[in-house]
Amino acid sequence: YGSLPIFKAAKDAVLKEHRISRIAIIDTFAVFVAVLSGYYIGAALASAAYFGAQKLRLRTEKKSKQALANIFGEQPHSVWLLKDGTEIEVPFESLLAGEIVVVGSGEQIPADGLVVEGIASVDQHVLTGESQLVEKEVGDRVFAATILISGKLYIKVESAGQETVAAKIGSILKNTSDFTDSIESVG
């Protein structure tokens, strides 16, 4: 009786050609052979292994989706602004478009904007997937959630917070993940 979900998954895998559920076909065969042979404990162990693997797969998939969405949603606690020729630290939430933010080596770029002063190497693999550092100089665009590896940049903020490209990607990923979870819970 406990193996009925495995049999249903195997039937669906055969009829609908689900690649993920192909393991259900193997488990169905193992349970069926074990029951016919009189090895009821073996059948129970095969069922337990199937359900344990499914639970592990679903947990890993959910954590991966959450981690990916969080990469784009992370924001620094404070930023350095250039005000009247002086660098001052302010809370990230108070950052507005048009302000000049100062980013040094090893810091995350807090907003999308335009470089107005400085030269730096930026790691933007989180957004673009490219493994090479990109040299940024006056006139170049930079994006939130990327890391300034070396150098120093003065960036005129064009968008901050939830309006950045990274935040929008994070929102899309989170909504996609939530939508998929809600569909799976209905099915």
Protein backbone atom coordinates (compact mmCIF):
# COMPACT_ATOMS: atom_id res chain seq x y z
CA TYR A 1 0.00 0.00 0.00
CA GLY A 2 2.84 2.41 0.84
CA SER A 3 4.31 1.89 -2.64
CA LEU A 4 1.24 3.10 -4.54
CA PRO A 5 2.70 6.63 -5.02
CA ILE A 6 5.81 5.04 -6.55
CA PHE A 7 3.64 3.00 -8.94
CA LYS A 8 1.68 6.14 -9.89
CA ALA A 9 4.94 8.06 -10.51
CA ALA A 10 6.21 5.18 -12.66
CA LYS A 11 2.96 5.15 -14.67
CA ASP A 12 3.24 8.92 -15.18
CA ALA A 13 6.89 8.56 -16.17
CA VAL A 14 5.98 5.99 -18.83
CA LEU A 15 2.91 7.79 -20.15
CA LYS A 16 4.15 11.38 -19.96
CA GLU A 17 7.89 10.73 -20.34
CA HIS A 18 9.00 12.60 -17.21
CA ARG A 19 12.79 12.36 -16.99
CA ILE A 20 12.88 13.10 -13.26
CA SER A 21 10.46 10.26 -12.48
CA ARG A 22 12.37 7.56 -14.37
CA ILE A 23 13.82 6.42 -11.06
CA ALA A 24 10.24 5.55 -10.08
CA ILE A 25 10.22 2.92 -12.83
CA ILE A 26 13.29 1.26 -11.36
CA ASP A 27 11.87 1.44 -7.83
CA THR A 28 8.54 0.03 -9.01
CA PHE A 29 10.34 -2.92 -10.57
CA ALA A 30 12.40 -3.46 -7.38
CA VAL A 31 9.34 -3.33 -5.12
CA PHE A 32 7.33 -5.59 -7.44
CA VAL A 33 10.09 -8.21 -7.61
CA ALA A 34 10.69 -8.04 -3.85
CA VAL A 35 6.99 -8.55 -3.07
CA LEU A 36 6.66 -11.44 -5.55
CA SER A 37 9.75 -13.06 -4.03
CA GLY A 38 8.39 -12.70 -0.50
CA TYR A 39 10.99 -10.14 0.58
CA TYR A 40 8.56 -7.72 2.19
CA ILE A 41 11.28 -6.00 4.22
CA GLY A 42 13.25 -5.47 1.00
CA ALA A 43 10.18 -3.94 -0.63
CA ALA A 44 9.70 -1.64 2.36
CA LEU A 45 13.37 -0.60 2.22
CA ALA A 46 13.12 0.11 -1.52
CA SER A 47 10.04 2.30 -0.88
CA ALA A 48 11.80 4.08 1.99
CA ALA A 49 14.85 4.72 -0.21
CA TYR A 50 12.65 6.17 -2.97
CA PHE A 51 10.77 8.52 -0.64
CA GLY A 52 13.98 9.54 1.14
CA ALA A 53 15.64 10.38 -2.18
CA GLN A 54 12.57 12.37 -3.31
CA LYS A 55 12.52 14.35 -0.07
CA LEU A 56 16.25 15.08 -0.35
CA ARG A 57 15.89 16.15 -4.00
CA LEU A 58 12.99 18.49 -3.23
CA ARG A 59 14.76 20.02 -0.22
CA THR A 60 17.95 20.59 -2.23
CA GLU A 61 16.00 22.10 -5.12
CA LYS A 62 14.11 24.47 -2.81
CA LYS A 63 17.28 25.60 -1.00
CA SER A 64 19.04 26.18 -4.33
CA LYS A 65 16.19 28.34 -5.61
CA GLN A 66 16.11 30.34 -2.38
CA ALA A 67 19.88 30.82 -2.39
CA LEU A 68 19.82 32.01 -6.00
CA ALA A 69 17.03 34.48 -5.30
CA ASN A 70 18.84 35.73 -2.19
CA ILE A 71 22.03 36.44 -4.15
CA PHE A 72 20.15 39.13 -6.06
CA GLY A 73 18.24 40.39 -3.04
CA GLU A 74 21.19 41.08 -0.73
CA GLN A 75 21.92 44.72 -0.03
CA PRO A 76 24.64 46.35 2.08
CA HIS A 77 23.67 47.93 5.43
CA SER A 78 25.31 51.26 4.65
CA VAL A 79 26.91 53.11 1.74
CA TRP A 80 29.44 55.91 1.35
CA LEU A 81 28.16 59.06 -0.34
CA LEU A 82 30.14 62.02 -1.66
CA LYS A 83 28.56 65.19 -0.21
CA ASP A 84 30.27 68.54 -0.65
CA GLY A 85 33.64 66.87 -1.31
CA THR A 86 33.40 64.70 1.82
CA GLU A 87 32.66 60.99 2.00
CA ILE A 88 29.96 60.21 4.57
CA GLU A 89 28.41 56.90 5.56
CA VAL A 90 24.61 56.68 5.36
CA PRO A 91 22.09 53.83 5.70
CA PHE A 92 21.49 51.99 2.44
CA GLU A 93 17.75 52.69 2.59
CA SER A 94 18.36 56.45 2.30
CA LEU A 95 20.20 56.12 -1.05
CA LEU A 96 18.49 58.15 -3.79
CA ALA A 97 18.86 58.49 -7.54
CA GLY A 98 21.27 61.27 -8.52
CA GLU A 99 23.56 60.90 -5.50
CA ILE A 100 27.23 60.00 -5.88
CA VAL A 101 28.12 56.75 -4.10
CA VAL A 102 31.77 55.82 -3.39
CA VAL A 103 32.77 52.16 -3.71
CA GLY A 104 36.21 50.82 -2.78
CA SER A 105 38.05 47.53 -3.29
CA GLY A 106 36.24 44.46 -2.01
CA GLU A 107 32.89 46.22 -1.64
CA GLN A 108 29.61 45.38 -3.31
CA ILE A 109 28.26 48.01 -5.68
CA PRO A 110 24.99 49.07 -3.99
CA ALA A 111 23.11 50.56 -6.95
CA ASP A 112 22.88 50.71 -10.72
CA GLY A 113 24.58 53.78 -12.06
CA LEU A 114 27.15 55.56 -14.19
CA VAL A 115 30.83 55.86 -13.28
CA VAL A 116 31.70 59.56 -12.95
CA GLU A 117 35.22 59.13 -11.57
CA GLY A 118 37.75 56.34 -11.09
CA ILE A 119 38.94 53.11 -12.68
CA ALA A 120 38.30 49.66 -11.25
CA SER A 121 38.02 45.94 -11.94
CA VAL A 122 34.51 44.64 -11.34
CA ASP A 123 33.37 41.05 -10.92
CA GLN A 124 29.91 40.90 -12.44
CA HIS A 125 29.61 37.12 -12.86
CA VAL A 126 26.51 37.09 -10.63
CA LEU A 127 24.59 39.04 -13.28
CA THR A 128 26.30 38.11 -16.52
CA GLY A 129 27.93 34.74 -15.85
CA GLU A 130 31.21 35.89 -17.35
CA SER A 131 34.26 34.70 -15.44
CA GLN A 132 36.56 37.57 -16.42
CA LEU A 133 36.79 40.79 -14.48
CA VAL A 134 35.55 43.86 -16.33
CA GLU A 135 37.43 47.14 -16.28
CA LYS A 136 35.14 50.06 -15.55
CA GLU A 137 36.02 53.70 -16.08
CA VAL A 138 34.31 57.07 -16.48
CA GLY A 139 31.16 56.75 -18.58
CA ASP A 140 30.65 53.01 -18.00
CA ARG A 141 27.52 51.56 -16.41
CA VAL A 142 27.75 49.44 -13.29
CA PHE A 143 25.13 47.29 -11.63
CA ALA A 144 24.10 46.52 -8.07
CA ALA A 145 25.16 43.16 -6.57
CA THR A 146 28.46 43.17 -8.49
CA ILE A 147 31.74 43.30 -6.58
CA LEU A 148 34.47 45.89 -7.05
CA ILE A 149 37.69 43.85 -6.89
CA SER A 150 40.33 46.55 -7.20
CA GLY A 151 40.30 50.32 -7.59
CA LYS A 152 37.80 52.92 -6.49
CA LEU A 153 34.71 54.25 -8.25
CA TYR A 154 32.47 57.25 -7.82
CA ILE A 155 29.07 56.24 -9.19
CA LYS A 156 26.10 58.48 -9.96
CA VAL A 157 23.10 56.46 -8.80
CA GLU A 158 20.46 55.83 -11.46
CA SER A 159 18.42 53.25 -9.54
CA ALA A 160 18.66 51.81 -6.05
CA GLY A 161 16.90 49.27 -3.86
CA GLN A 162 14.09 47.36 -5.55
CA GLU A 163 14.55 49.30 -8.81
CA THR A 164 17.98 47.80 -9.63
CA VAL A 165 18.46 45.11 -12.26
CA ALA A 166 19.64 42.65 -9.59
CA ALA A 167 16.58 43.24 -7.39
CA LYS A 168 14.26 42.75 -10.35
CA ILE A 169 16.01 39.48 -11.28
CA GLY A 170 15.74 38.35 -7.65
CA SER A 171 12.04 39.20 -7.61
CA ILE A 172 11.44 37.26 -10.82
CA LEU A 173 13.33 34.24 -9.44
CA LYS A 174 11.44 34.37 -6.15
CA ASN A 175 8.07 34.70 -7.88
CA THR A 176 8.93 31.85 -10.25
CA SER A 177 9.97 29.69 -7.31
CA ASP A 178 6.83 30.57 -5.32
CA PHE A 179 4.62 29.91 -8.37
CA THR A 180 6.25 26.52 -8.97
CA ASP A 181 5.85 25.61 -5.29
CA SER A 182 2.15 26.57 -5.35
CA ILE A 183 1.53 24.51 -8.51
CA GLU A 184 3.34 21.50 -6.98
CA SER A 185 1.28 21.74 -3.80
CA VAL A 186 -1.97 21.73 -5.80
CA GLY A 187 -0.87 18.72 -7.92
